[in-house]
Amino acid sequence: MSIENQVVAWNNYVEALYCRFGGQKDLLEELKDLKHEGDLETYIQDFEMLWNRAEIIKKQALVFFLGGLKVEIKNLVKMFQPKALYQAYNLVRLQINILSHIRSLQSPAKHSTLTNNFIAQTRINSFPTFHKNTFYFTTPTLNIHYNHPGTLLT
């Protein structure tokens, strides 16, 4: 960019625009305040735009990204201990898909009487059991087990 016949770096030009039209903003503060409120892809785009301008390392960027997620998503994603942003992005997408599926199953309009009866039976007859690092959730007709991250199924 050129201002009065001077060559100006893009970052300096953007800073000048912020100062002129919107006040100077602290990029780290913007990153800290950025929250996942609507569409995930919009949050990722906004995050990446701020992250690239803030000039922070990838590990710090990961902390800011996870910190801005909705609590219902953040805790489950953190459980898998992503080491890179792309891993976190994919885990968040998976978690959102899972939550959407669960919510669609819980919608009263989509339940049949048989499904409602099964859910009621599951709640009454289910019981958790533990074995070493593996958690088992058992019902009369459904067996689900969850293996704690970092352990092997035997």
C-alpha atoms as a PDB file:
ATOM      1  CA  MET A   1       0.000   0.000   0.000  1.00  0.00           C
ATOM      2  CA  SER A   2       1.126   3.526  -0.546  1.00  0.00           C
ATOM      3  CA  ILE A   3       0.275   6.485   1.626  1.00  0.00           C
ATOM      4  CA  GLU A   4       1.573   9.821   0.379  1.00  0.00           C
ATOM      5  CA  ASN A   5       4.127   8.085  -1.836  1.00  0.00           C
ATOM      6  CA  GLN A   6       5.425   5.927   1.023  1.00  0.00           C
ATOM      7  CA  VAL A   7       5.395   2.172   0.879  1.00  0.00           C
ATOM      8  CA  VAL A   8       3.602   0.807   3.951  1.00  0.00           C
ATOM      9  CA  ALA A   9       3.441  -2.791   5.134  1.00  0.00           C
ATOM     10  CA  TRP A  10      -0.019  -4.338   5.136  1.00  0.00           C
ATOM     11  CA  ASN A  11      -0.039  -4.828   8.936  1.00  0.00           C
ATOM     12  CA  ASN A  12       0.796  -1.151   9.455  1.00  0.00           C
ATOM     13  CA  TYR A  13      -1.943  -0.162   7.020  1.00  0.00           C
ATOM     14  CA  VAL A  14      -4.518  -2.298   8.867  1.00  0.00           C
ATOM     15  CA  GLU A  15      -3.411  -0.814  12.209  1.00  0.00           C
ATOM     16  CA  ALA A  16      -3.785   2.681  10.760  1.00  0.00           C
ATOM     17  CA  LEU A  17      -7.321   1.825   9.629  1.00  0.00           C
ATOM     18  CA  TYR A  18      -8.193   0.554  13.104  1.00  0.00           C
ATOM     19  CA  CYS A  19      -6.859   3.718  14.676  1.00  0.00           C
ATOM     20  CA  ARG A  20      -8.698   5.938  12.205  1.00  0.00           C
ATOM     21  CA  PHE A  21     -12.086   4.226  12.128  1.00  0.00           C
ATOM     22  CA  GLY A  22     -12.483   1.956  15.102  1.00  0.00           C
ATOM     23  CA  GLY A  23      -9.922   2.683  17.707  1.00  0.00           C
ATOM     24  CA  GLN A  24      -6.926   0.503  18.317  1.00  0.00           C
ATOM     25  CA  LYS A  25      -7.889  -2.980  19.460  1.00  0.00           C
ATOM     26  CA  ASP A  26      -5.728  -5.412  21.353  1.00  0.00           C
ATOM     27  CA  LEU A  27      -5.700  -8.596  19.298  1.00  0.00           C
ATOM     28  CA  LEU A  28      -5.110 -10.843  22.321  1.00  0.00           C
ATOM     29  CA  GLU A  29      -8.101  -9.301  24.052  1.00  0.00           C
ATOM     30  CA  GLU A  30     -10.206  -9.884  20.938  1.00  0.00           C
ATOM     31  CA  LEU A  31      -9.040 -13.513  20.830  1.00  0.00           C
ATOM     32  CA  LYS A  32      -9.860 -13.946  24.517  1.00  0.00           C
ATOM     33  CA  ASP A  33     -13.326 -12.453  24.035  1.00  0.00           C
ATOM     34  CA  LEU A  34     -14.164 -14.395  20.865  1.00  0.00           C
ATOM     35  CA  LYS A  35     -16.885 -16.954  21.660  1.00  0.00           C
ATOM     36  CA  HIS A  36     -18.492 -19.764  19.695  1.00  0.00           C
ATOM     37  CA  GLU A  37     -22.099 -18.590  19.665  1.00  0.00           C
ATOM     38  CA  GLY A  38     -23.433 -19.450  16.239  1.00  0.00           C
ATOM     39  CA  ASP A  39     -22.103 -21.452  13.341  1.00  0.00           C
ATOM     40  CA  LEU A  40     -18.869 -23.362  14.011  1.00  0.00           C
ATOM     41  CA  GLU A  41     -17.299 -22.557  10.654  1.00  0.00           C
ATOM     42  CA  THR A  42     -17.859 -18.832  11.253  1.00  0.00           C
ATOM     43  CA  TYR A  43     -16.193 -19.148  14.666  1.00  0.00           C
ATOM     44  CA  ILE A  44     -13.223 -20.959  13.089  1.00  0.00           C
ATOM     45  CA  GLN A  45     -12.874 -18.304  10.359  1.00  0.00           C
ATOM     46  CA  ASP A  46     -13.067 -15.441  12.868  1.00  0.00           C
ATOM     47  CA  PHE A  47     -10.616 -17.214  15.145  1.00  0.00           C
ATOM     48  CA  GLU A  48      -8.087 -17.854  12.367  1.00  0.00           C
ATOM     49  CA  MET A  49      -8.284 -14.261  11.188  1.00  0.00           C
ATOM     50  CA  LEU A  50      -7.515 -12.964  14.693  1.00  0.00           C
ATOM     51  CA  TRP A  51      -4.936 -15.654  15.423  1.00  0.00           C
ATOM     52  CA  ASN A  52      -2.944 -14.865  12.298  1.00  0.00           C
ATOM     53  CA  ARG A  53      -2.881 -11.166  13.159  1.00  0.00           C
ATOM     54  CA  ALA A  54      -2.046 -11.699  16.850  1.00  0.00           C
ATOM     55  CA  GLU A  55       1.216 -13.496  16.080  1.00  0.00           C
ATOM     56  CA  ILE A  56       0.969 -16.053  18.875  1.00  0.00           C
ATOM     57  CA  ILE A  57       2.354 -19.582  18.884  1.00  0.00           C
ATOM     58  CA  LYS A  58       0.186 -22.557  17.944  1.00  0.00           C
ATOM     59  CA  LYS A  59      -0.095 -23.887  21.500  1.00  0.00           C
ATOM     60  CA  GLN A  60      -1.428 -20.526  22.713  1.00  0.00           C
ATOM     61  CA  ALA A  61      -3.808 -20.404  19.756  1.00  0.00           C
ATOM     62  CA  LEU A  62      -5.145 -23.833  20.733  1.00  0.00           C
ATOM     63  CA  VAL A  63      -5.794 -22.606  24.290  1.00  0.00           C
ATOM     64  CA  PHE A  64      -7.652 -19.528  23.006  1.00  0.00           C
ATOM     65  CA  PHE A  65      -9.676 -21.627  20.539  1.00  0.00           C
ATOM     66  CA  LEU A  66     -10.757 -24.152  23.162  1.00  0.00           C
ATOM     67  CA  GLY A  67     -11.490 -21.363  25.633  1.00  0.00           C
ATOM     68  CA  GLY A  68     -14.007 -19.781  23.273  1.00  0.00           C
ATOM     69  CA  LEU A  69     -16.020 -22.941  22.672  1.00  0.00           C
ATOM     70  CA  LYS A  70     -19.421 -23.612  24.201  1.00  0.00           C
ATOM     71  CA  VAL A  71     -19.037 -25.476  27.514  1.00  0.00           C
ATOM     72  CA  GLU A  72     -21.028 -28.484  26.294  1.00  0.00           C
ATOM     73  CA  ILE A  73     -18.488 -28.941  23.508  1.00  0.00           C
ATOM     74  CA  LYS A  74     -15.302 -27.657  25.132  1.00  0.00           C
ATOM     75  CA  ASN A  75     -15.102 -30.212  27.942  1.00  0.00           C
ATOM     76  CA  LEU A  76     -15.501 -33.229  25.681  1.00  0.00           C
ATOM     77  CA  VAL A  77     -12.993 -31.909  23.157  1.00  0.00           C
ATOM     78  CA  LYS A  78     -10.454 -31.165  25.897  1.00  0.00           C
ATOM     79  CA  MET A  79     -10.856 -34.739  27.143  1.00  0.00           C
ATOM     80  CA  PHE A  80      -9.138 -35.951  23.953  1.00  0.00           C
ATOM     81  CA  GLN A  81      -6.221 -33.552  24.522  1.00  0.00           C
ATOM     82  CA  PRO A  82      -5.802 -32.232  20.966  1.00  0.00           C
ATOM     83  CA  LYS A  83      -2.229 -31.181  20.249  1.00  0.00           C
ATOM     84  CA  ALA A  84      -2.944 -29.098  17.143  1.00  0.00           C
ATOM     85  CA  LEU A  85      -5.678 -26.766  15.961  1.00  0.00           C
ATOM     86  CA  TYR A  86      -6.709 -29.039  13.093  1.00  0.00           C
ATOM     87  CA  GLN A  87      -7.283 -31.856  15.614  1.00  0.00           C
ATOM     88  CA  ALA A  88      -9.387 -29.556  17.773  1.00  0.00           C
ATOM     89  CA  TYR A  89     -11.394 -28.380  14.751  1.00  0.00           C
ATOM     90  CA  ASN A  90     -12.183 -31.977  13.778  1.00  0.00           C
ATOM     91  CA  LEU A  91     -13.057 -33.003  17.341  1.00  0.00           C
ATOM     92  CA  VAL A  92     -15.403 -30.024  17.658  1.00  0.00           C
ATOM     93  CA  ARG A  93     -17.097 -30.930  14.375  1.00  0.00           C
ATOM     94  CA  LEU A  94     -17.570 -34.515  15.567  1.00  0.00           C
ATOM     95  CA  GLN A  95     -18.936 -33.380  18.918  1.00  0.00           C
ATOM     96  CA  ILE A  96     -21.401 -30.999  17.260  1.00  0.00           C
ATOM     97  CA  ASN A  97     -22.596 -33.841  15.019  1.00  0.00           C
ATOM     98  CA  ILE A  98     -23.053 -36.095  18.044  1.00  0.00           C
ATOM     99  CA  LEU A  99     -24.974 -33.425  19.966  1.00  0.00           C
ATOM    100  CA  SER A 100     -27.168 -32.728  16.939  1.00  0.00           C
ATOM    101  CA  HIS A 101     -27.957 -36.427  16.624  1.00  0.00           C
ATOM    102  CA  ILE A 102     -28.748 -36.743  20.332  1.00  0.00           C
ATOM    103  CA  ARG A 103     -31.006 -33.678  20.200  1.00  0.00           C
ATOM    104  CA  SER A 104     -32.815 -35.080  17.173  1.00  0.00           C
ATOM    105  CA  LEU A 105     -33.443 -38.312  19.080  1.00  0.00           C
ATOM    106  CA  GLN A 106     -34.742 -36.378  22.067  1.00  0.00           C
ATOM    107  CA  SER A 107     -37.193 -34.371  19.995  1.00  0.00           C
ATOM    108  CA  PRO A 108     -40.733 -35.499  20.985  1.00  0.00           C
ATOM    109  CA  ALA A 109     -42.011 -35.206  17.415  1.00  0.00           C
ATOM    110  CA  LYS A 110     -39.516 -37.812  16.200  1.00  0.00           C
ATOM    111  CA  HIS A 111     -40.151 -40.410  18.878  1.00  0.00           C
ATOM    112  CA  SER A 112     -42.375 -43.386  18.415  1.00  0.00           C
ATOM    113  CA  THR A 113     -44.071 -45.079  21.355  1.00  0.00           C
ATOM    114  CA  LEU A 114     -41.609 -47.952  21.050  1.00  0.00           C
ATOM    115  CA  THR A 115     -38.628 -45.593  21.256  1.00  0.00           C
ATOM    116  CA  ASN A 116     -40.127 -43.777  24.249  1.00  0.00           C
ATOM    117  CA  ASN A 117     -40.696 -47.082  26.015  1.00  0.00           C
ATOM    118  CA  PHE A 118     -37.120 -48.182  25.306  1.00  0.00           C
ATOM    119  CA  ILE A 119     -35.722 -44.919  26.709  1.00  0.00           C
ATOM    120  CA  ALA A 120     -37.872 -45.253  29.827  1.00  0.00           C
ATOM    121  CA  GLN A 121     -36.730 -48.882  30.263  1.00  0.00           C
ATOM    122  CA  THR A 122     -33.108 -47.870  29.749  1.00  0.00           C
ATOM    123  CA  ARG A 123     -33.316 -45.234  32.472  1.00  0.00           C
ATOM    124  CA  ILE A 124     -34.922 -47.636  34.939  1.00  0.00           C
ATOM    125  CA  ASN A 125     -32.878 -50.776  34.239  1.00  0.00           C
ATOM    126  CA  SER A 126     -29.459 -49.345  33.433  1.00  0.00           C
ATOM    127  CA  PHE A 127     -26.509 -49.409  35.768  1.00  0.00           C
ATOM    128  CA  PRO A 128     -22.877 -48.358  35.418  1.00  0.00           C
ATOM    129  CA  THR A 129     -19.993 -50.690  36.166  1.00  0.00           C
ATOM    130  CA  PHE A 130     -16.286 -49.962  36.363  1.00  0.00           C
ATOM    131  CA  HIS A 131     -13.297 -52.115  35.521  1.00  0.00           C
ATOM    132  CA  LYS A 132      -9.810 -50.589  35.747  1.00  0.00           C
ATOM    133  CA  ASN A 133      -9.811 -47.611  33.336  1.00  0.00           C
ATOM    134  CA  THR A 134     -12.889 -48.692  31.400  1.00  0.00           C
ATOM    135  CA  PHE A 135     -16.403 -47.534  32.180  1.00  0.00           C
ATOM    136  CA  TYR A 136     -19.266 -49.824  31.166  1.00  0.00           C
ATOM    137  CA  PHE A 137     -22.854 -48.647  30.886  1.00  0.00           C
ATOM    138  CA  THR A 138     -25.149 -51.638  30.631  1.00  0.00           C
ATOM    139  CA  THR A 139     -28.848 -51.984  29.893  1.00  0.00           C
ATOM    140  CA  PRO A 140     -30.808 -55.164  29.251  1.00  0.00           C
ATOM    141  CA  THR A 141     -30.663 -54.628  25.482  1.00  0.00           C
ATOM    142  CA  LEU A 142     -27.755 -52.247  24.996  1.00  0.00           C
ATOM    143  CA  ASN A 143     -24.132 -52.443  26.091  1.00  0.00           C
ATOM    144  CA  ILE A 144     -21.915 -49.411  25.729  1.00  0.00           C
ATOM    145  CA  HIS A 145     -18.396 -49.156  27.032  1.00  0.00           C
ATOM    146  CA  TYR A 146     -16.113 -46.203  27.134  1.00  0.00           C
ATOM    147  CA  ASN A 147     -12.370 -46.655  27.298  1.00  0.00           C
ATOM    148  CA  HIS A 148     -10.533 -43.849  29.091  1.00  0.00           C
ATOM    149  CA  PRO A 149      -8.106 -42.096  26.681  1.00  0.00           C
ATOM    150  CA  GLY A 150      -4.657 -43.604  26.850  1.00  0.00           C
ATOM    151  CA  THR A 151      -5.749 -47.099  27.860  1.00  0.00           C
ATOM    152  CA  LEU A 152      -6.239 -50.178  25.752  1.00  0.00           C
ATOM    153  CA  LEU A 153      -9.314 -52.376  25.659  1.00  0.00           C
ATOM    154  CA  THR A 154      -8.636 -55.917  26.865  1.00  0.00           C
END
